[in-house]
Amino acid sequence: MRSIRRAQGADAVSLQVLYQELHPYENIEVTSSRLESLAQSDDTHIFVSEESGEMLATATVFLCQDVLRGDTPFALVENMVVSSHYLREGIGKSLVDFIESFCLEKNCSRIVLL
């Protein structure tokens, strides 16, 4: 069964593999300590889609404070990647739907995808 959850330190190796697909010509380093630190953040959320322990996709959502709308943040989505082994299976759409629901729950004024 597929699920979407917040990334934890134990996901470092799997996330590094996905990020390497996104940036094939860069030296990507994902550490478990950095992931653990970000897992405690109120403003940075790294979500992963997985099935049977296998990482299928990921996206990072930053909640940004905005002076135009009082205490209402906006969301910036970055580093979204679906494993090349699972393209065209609706995984990206389900991740985007999850992020949209998350942002609505956080009362975001808008979602920006980079």
N, C-alpha and C. Protein backbone atom coordinates (compact mmCIF):
# COMPACT_ATOMS: atom_id res chain seq x y z
N MET A 1 0.83 -1.18 0.00
CA MET A 1 0.00 0.00 0.00
C MET A 1 0.88 1.25 0.00
N ARG A 2 0.56 2.18 -0.87
CA ARG A 2 1.32 3.43 -0.94
C ARG A 2 0.91 4.36 0.18
N SER A 3 1.91 5.07 0.69
CA SER A 3 1.63 6.07 1.73
C SER A 3 2.54 7.26 1.52
N ILE A 4 2.13 8.39 2.09
CA ILE A 4 2.93 9.61 2.06
C ILE A 4 3.13 10.04 3.51
N ARG A 5 4.37 10.35 3.83
CA ARG A 5 4.71 10.74 5.20
C ARG A 5 5.88 11.72 5.18
N ARG A 6 6.17 12.25 6.34
CA ARG A 6 7.30 13.16 6.48
C ARG A 6 8.59 12.34 6.55
N ALA A 7 9.62 12.80 5.88
CA ALA A 7 10.91 12.09 5.86
C ALA A 7 11.57 12.14 7.24
N GLN A 8 12.30 11.08 7.54
CA GLN A 8 13.06 10.95 8.78
C GLN A 8 14.51 10.64 8.43
N GLY A 9 15.37 10.66 9.44
CA GLY A 9 16.79 10.42 9.23
C GLY A 9 17.10 9.11 8.52
N ALA A 10 16.33 8.08 8.79
CA ALA A 10 16.56 6.77 8.18
C ALA A 10 16.33 6.76 6.68
N ASP A 11 15.73 7.83 6.15
CA ASP A 11 15.44 7.92 4.72
C ASP A 11 16.58 8.51 3.90
N ALA A 12 17.69 8.83 4.54
CA ALA A 12 18.77 9.56 3.86
C ALA A 12 19.26 8.88 2.58
N VAL A 13 19.54 7.61 2.63
CA VAL A 13 20.09 6.91 1.45
C VAL A 13 19.07 6.90 0.32
N SER A 14 17.83 6.57 0.63
CA SER A 14 16.79 6.52 -0.41
C SER A 14 16.53 7.90 -1.02
N LEU A 15 16.54 8.92 -0.18
CA LEU A 15 16.34 10.28 -0.71
C LEU A 15 17.52 10.71 -1.57
N GLN A 16 18.70 10.34 -1.18
CA GLN A 16 19.87 10.69 -1.98
C GLN A 16 19.77 10.09 -3.38
N VAL A 17 19.27 8.86 -3.48
CA VAL A 17 19.09 8.22 -4.79
C VAL A 17 18.08 9.01 -5.64
N LEU A 18 16.96 9.40 -5.03
CA LEU A 18 15.96 10.18 -5.78
C LEU A 18 16.52 11.54 -6.20
N TYR A 19 17.20 12.23 -5.29
CA TYR A 19 17.75 13.54 -5.62
C TYR A 19 18.82 13.44 -6.70
N GLN A 20 19.54 12.32 -6.73
CA GLN A 20 20.55 12.13 -7.78
C GLN A 20 19.87 12.02 -9.14
N GLU A 21 18.66 11.46 -9.20
CA GLU A 21 17.91 11.43 -10.45
C GLU A 21 17.51 12.85 -10.87
N LEU A 22 17.17 13.67 -9.90
CA LEU A 22 16.77 15.05 -10.18
C LEU A 22 17.95 15.90 -10.63
N HIS A 23 19.11 15.66 -10.04
CA HIS A 23 20.33 16.42 -10.33
C HIS A 23 21.46 15.46 -10.69
N PRO A 24 21.40 14.83 -11.87
CA PRO A 24 22.36 13.77 -12.20
C PRO A 24 23.81 14.22 -12.33
N TYR A 25 24.05 15.51 -12.51
CA TYR A 25 25.42 15.97 -12.72
C TYR A 25 26.00 16.66 -11.49
N GLU A 26 25.30 16.54 -10.37
CA GLU A 26 25.79 17.15 -9.13
C GLU A 26 26.12 16.05 -8.13
N ASN A 27 27.01 16.38 -7.22
CA ASN A 27 27.34 15.46 -6.14
C ASN A 27 26.35 15.72 -5.00
N ILE A 28 25.38 14.86 -4.84
CA ILE A 28 24.32 15.01 -3.85
C ILE A 28 24.71 14.29 -2.57
N GLU A 29 24.54 14.97 -1.43
CA GLU A 29 24.81 14.35 -0.14
C GLU A 29 23.64 14.64 0.80
N VAL A 30 22.94 13.61 1.19
CA VAL A 30 21.83 13.72 2.13
C VAL A 30 22.24 12.98 3.40
N THR A 31 22.25 13.68 4.52
CA THR A 31 22.66 13.06 5.77
C THR A 31 21.45 12.83 6.68
N SER A 32 21.53 11.77 7.44
CA SER A 32 20.43 11.46 8.36
C SER A 32 20.30 12.53 9.44
N SER A 33 21.41 13.12 9.87
CA SER A 33 21.32 14.16 10.90
C SER A 33 20.61 15.40 10.38
N ARG A 34 20.85 15.75 9.13
CA ARG A 34 20.16 16.91 8.54
C ARG A 34 18.66 16.62 8.39
N LEU A 35 18.34 15.42 7.94
CA LEU A 35 16.92 15.04 7.81
C LEU A 35 16.22 15.05 9.16
N GLU A 36 16.88 14.55 10.19
CA GLU A 36 16.29 14.56 11.53
C GLU A 36 16.04 15.99 12.00
N SER A 37 16.98 16.86 11.73
CA SER A 37 16.83 18.27 12.10
C SER A 37 15.64 18.89 11.37
N LEU A 38 15.53 18.64 10.08
CA LEU A 38 14.42 19.21 9.30
C LEU A 38 13.08 18.59 9.68
N ALA A 39 13.10 17.35 10.15
CA ALA A 39 11.85 16.70 10.58
C ALA A 39 11.24 17.39 11.80
N GLN A 40 12.05 18.18 12.50
CA GLN A 40 11.57 18.91 13.67
C GLN A 40 11.14 20.35 13.33
N SER A 41 11.37 20.76 12.10
CA SER A 41 11.06 22.12 11.68
C SER A 41 9.57 22.33 11.48
N ASP A 42 9.11 23.50 11.87
CA ASP A 42 7.71 23.88 11.61
C ASP A 42 7.53 24.45 10.21
N ASP A 43 8.63 24.84 9.57
CA ASP A 43 8.54 25.53 8.29
C ASP A 43 9.04 24.73 7.09
N THR A 44 9.80 23.67 7.31
CA THR A 44 10.33 22.85 6.22
C THR A 44 9.81 21.43 6.39
N HIS A 45 9.16 20.94 5.34
CA HIS A 45 8.55 19.61 5.39
C HIS A 45 8.98 18.82 4.15
N ILE A 46 9.74 17.76 4.37
CA ILE A 46 10.14 16.88 3.28
C ILE A 46 9.21 15.68 3.32
N PHE A 47 8.40 15.54 2.29
CA PHE A 47 7.44 14.45 2.22
C PHE A 47 7.96 13.38 1.28
N VAL A 48 7.69 12.12 1.63
CA VAL A 48 8.08 11.00 0.78
C VAL A 48 6.87 10.12 0.52
N SER A 49 6.82 9.59 -0.68
CA SER A 49 5.83 8.60 -1.05
C SER A 49 6.55 7.26 -1.09
N GLU A 50 5.97 6.26 -0.44
CA GLU A 50 6.62 4.96 -0.40
C GLU A 50 5.60 3.84 -0.51
N GLU A 51 6.12 2.69 -0.90
CA GLU A 51 5.30 1.49 -0.97
C GLU A 51 6.18 0.31 -0.60
N SER A 52 5.73 -0.46 0.36
CA SER A 52 6.47 -1.64 0.83
C SER A 52 7.92 -1.30 1.17
N GLY A 53 8.13 -0.14 1.79
CA GLY A 53 9.46 0.26 2.20
C GLY A 53 10.32 0.86 1.10
N GLU A 54 9.81 0.94 -0.12
CA GLU A 54 10.57 1.51 -1.24
C GLU A 54 10.14 2.95 -1.48
N MET A 55 11.12 3.84 -1.58
CA MET A 55 10.86 5.26 -1.80
C MET A 55 10.52 5.47 -3.28
N LEU A 56 9.34 6.07 -3.53
CA LEU A 56 8.87 6.28 -4.89
C LEU A 56 9.02 7.73 -5.35
N ALA A 57 8.85 8.67 -4.41
CA ALA A 57 8.86 10.09 -4.78
C ALA A 57 9.08 10.94 -3.53
N THR A 58 9.43 12.19 -3.78
CA THR A 58 9.62 13.13 -2.68
C THR A 58 9.35 14.56 -3.16
N ALA A 59 9.07 15.42 -2.21
CA ALA A 59 8.94 16.85 -2.47
C ALA A 59 9.18 17.58 -1.16
N THR A 60 9.73 18.76 -1.25
CA THR A 60 9.96 19.60 -0.08
C THR A 60 9.00 20.77 -0.12
N VAL A 61 8.35 21.03 1.01
CA VAL A 61 7.41 22.15 1.14
C VAL A 61 7.95 23.10 2.20
N PHE A 62 8.17 24.34 1.79
CA PHE A 62 8.60 25.38 2.72
C PHE A 62 7.40 26.27 3.00
N LEU A 63 7.10 26.49 4.26
CA LEU A 63 6.05 27.43 4.64
C LEU A 63 6.73 28.77 4.91
N CYS A 64 6.38 29.76 4.10
CA CYS A 64 7.04 31.07 4.14
C CYS A 64 6.09 32.13 4.70
N GLN A 65 6.61 32.91 5.61
CA GLN A 65 5.81 33.98 6.18
C GLN A 65 5.72 35.12 5.17
N ASP A 66 4.57 35.79 5.17
CA ASP A 66 4.29 36.83 4.17
C ASP A 66 3.77 38.07 4.89
N VAL A 67 4.29 39.23 4.54
CA VAL A 67 3.84 40.47 5.17
C VAL A 67 2.52 40.98 4.59
N LEU A 68 2.12 40.47 3.45
CA LEU A 68 0.91 40.97 2.78
C LEU A 68 -0.37 40.44 3.38
N ARG A 69 -0.33 39.29 4.02
CA ARG A 69 -1.56 38.64 4.47
C ARG A 69 -1.51 38.25 5.95
N GLY A 70 -0.96 39.11 6.76
CA GLY A 70 -0.93 38.86 8.20
C GLY A 70 -0.17 37.60 8.55
N ASP A 71 -0.81 36.71 9.28
CA ASP A 71 -0.17 35.47 9.71
C ASP A 71 -0.36 34.31 8.73
N THR A 72 -0.86 34.61 7.54
CA THR A 72 -1.10 33.57 6.55
C THR A 72 0.17 33.31 5.75
N PRO A 73 0.70 32.10 5.81
CA PRO A 73 1.91 31.80 5.04
C PRO A 73 1.57 31.45 3.59
N PHE A 74 2.59 31.39 2.76
CA PHE A 74 2.44 30.78 1.44
C PHE A 74 3.41 29.61 1.40
N ALA A 75 3.16 28.67 0.50
CA ALA A 75 3.99 27.47 0.40
C ALA A 75 4.84 27.50 -0.86
N LEU A 76 6.07 27.09 -0.71
CA LEU A 76 6.99 26.94 -1.83
C LEU A 76 7.35 25.47 -1.91
N VAL A 77 7.11 24.85 -3.07
CA VAL A 77 7.38 23.42 -3.27
C VAL A 77 8.60 23.30 -4.18
N GLU A 78 9.55 22.50 -3.73
CA GLU A 78 10.80 22.36 -4.48
C GLU A 78 11.31 20.92 -4.35
N ASN A 79 12.28 20.59 -5.18
CA ASN A 79 12.91 19.27 -5.15
C ASN A 79 11.89 18.14 -5.25
N MET A 80 10.95 18.29 -6.15
CA MET A 80 9.96 17.24 -6.36
C MET A 80 10.49 16.28 -7.43
N VAL A 81 10.51 15.00 -7.08
CA VAL A 81 11.00 14.00 -8.03
C VAL A 81 10.27 12.68 -7.79
N VAL A 82 9.90 12.04 -8.88
CA VAL A 82 9.34 10.69 -8.86
C VAL A 82 10.40 9.78 -9.47
N SER A 83 10.65 8.67 -8.84
CA SER A 83 11.63 7.71 -9.35
C SER A 83 11.32 7.36 -10.80
N SER A 84 12.35 7.29 -11.61
CA SER A 84 12.16 6.95 -13.03
C SER A 84 11.54 5.57 -13.21
N HIS A 85 11.62 4.73 -12.19
CA HIS A 85 11.03 3.38 -12.26
C HIS A 85 9.51 3.41 -12.08
N TYR A 86 8.96 4.57 -11.66
CA TYR A 86 7.54 4.64 -11.33
C TYR A 86 6.81 5.79 -12.02
N LEU A 87 7.33 6.24 -13.12
CA LEU A 87 6.68 7.33 -13.85
C LEU A 87 5.37 6.86 -14.47
N ARG A 88 4.44 7.79 -14.61
CA ARG A 88 3.14 7.55 -15.26
C ARG A 88 2.25 6.57 -14.47
N GLU A 89 2.44 6.54 -13.14
CA GLU A 89 1.60 5.69 -12.30
C GLU A 89 0.72 6.51 -11.35
N GLY A 90 0.72 7.83 -11.51
CA GLY A 90 -0.11 8.68 -10.66
C GLY A 90 0.53 9.05 -9.33
N ILE A 91 1.78 8.67 -9.14
CA ILE A 91 2.46 8.93 -7.88
C ILE A 91 2.68 10.43 -7.68
N GLY A 92 3.12 11.11 -8.73
CA GLY A 92 3.32 12.56 -8.64
C GLY A 92 2.02 13.29 -8.35
N LYS A 93 0.94 12.87 -9.00
CA LYS A 93 -0.35 13.50 -8.76
C LYS A 93 -0.80 13.30 -7.32
N SER A 94 -0.65 12.09 -6.81
CA SER A 94 -1.07 11.85 -5.42
C SER A 94 -0.22 12.65 -4.44
N LEU A 95 1.07 12.85 -4.75
CA LEU A 95 1.93 13.67 -3.90
C LEU A 95 1.49 15.13 -3.95
N VAL A 96 1.18 15.63 -5.13
CA VAL A 96 0.69 17.01 -5.27
C VAL A 96 -0.64 17.18 -4.55
N ASP A 97 -1.53 16.22 -4.66
CA ASP A 97 -2.81 16.29 -3.95
C ASP A 97 -2.60 16.33 -2.44
N PHE A 98 -1.67 15.52 -1.95
CA PHE A 98 -1.33 15.51 -0.53
C PHE A 98 -0.80 16.87 -0.09
N ILE A 99 0.11 17.42 -0.89
CA ILE A 99 0.70 18.73 -0.57
C ILE A 99 -0.38 19.81 -0.56
N GLU A 100 -1.28 19.77 -1.52
CA GLU A 100 -2.36 20.75 -1.56
C GLU A 100 -3.21 20.66 -0.30
N SER A 101 -3.56 19.47 0.13
CA SER A 101 -4.35 19.30 1.36
C SER A 101 -3.57 19.80 2.58
N PHE A 102 -2.29 19.49 2.63
CA PHE A 102 -1.43 19.95 3.72
C PHE A 102 -1.42 21.48 3.77
N CYS A 103 -1.27 22.11 2.61
CA CYS A 103 -1.20 23.57 2.55
C CYS A 103 -2.53 24.22 2.92
N LEU A 104 -3.63 23.60 2.54
CA LEU A 104 -4.94 24.10 2.95
C LEU A 104 -5.09 24.01 4.46
N GLU A 105 -4.63 22.91 5.04
CA GLU A 105 -4.67 22.73 6.49
C GLU A 105 -3.85 23.79 7.20
N LYS A 106 -2.74 24.20 6.59
CA LYS A 106 -1.86 25.22 7.16
C LYS A 106 -2.32 26.64 6.81
N ASN A 107 -3.46 26.75 6.11
CA ASN A 107 -4.04 28.04 5.75
C ASN A 107 -3.14 28.87 4.82
N CYS A 108 -2.45 28.20 3.90
CA CYS A 108 -1.56 28.90 2.97
C CYS A 108 -2.39 29.71 1.97
N SER A 109 -1.90 30.89 1.67
CA SER A 109 -2.60 31.75 0.71
C SER A 109 -2.39 31.31 -0.73
N ARG A 110 -1.25 30.63 -0.98
CA ARG A 110 -0.95 30.15 -2.34
C ARG A 110 0.16 29.11 -2.25
N ILE A 111 0.29 28.35 -3.34
CA ILE A 111 1.34 27.34 -3.45
C ILE A 111 2.15 27.67 -4.69
N VAL A 112 3.45 27.78 -4.52
CA VAL A 112 4.36 28.09 -5.61
C VAL A 112 5.22 26.85 -5.86
N LEU A 113 5.25 26.35 -7.10
CA LEU A 113 6.05 25.18 -7.45
C LEU A 113 7.26 25.63 -8.26
N LEU A 114 8.44 25.27 -7.76
CA LEU A 114 9.68 25.56 -8.51
C LEU A 114 10.09 24.31 -9.24
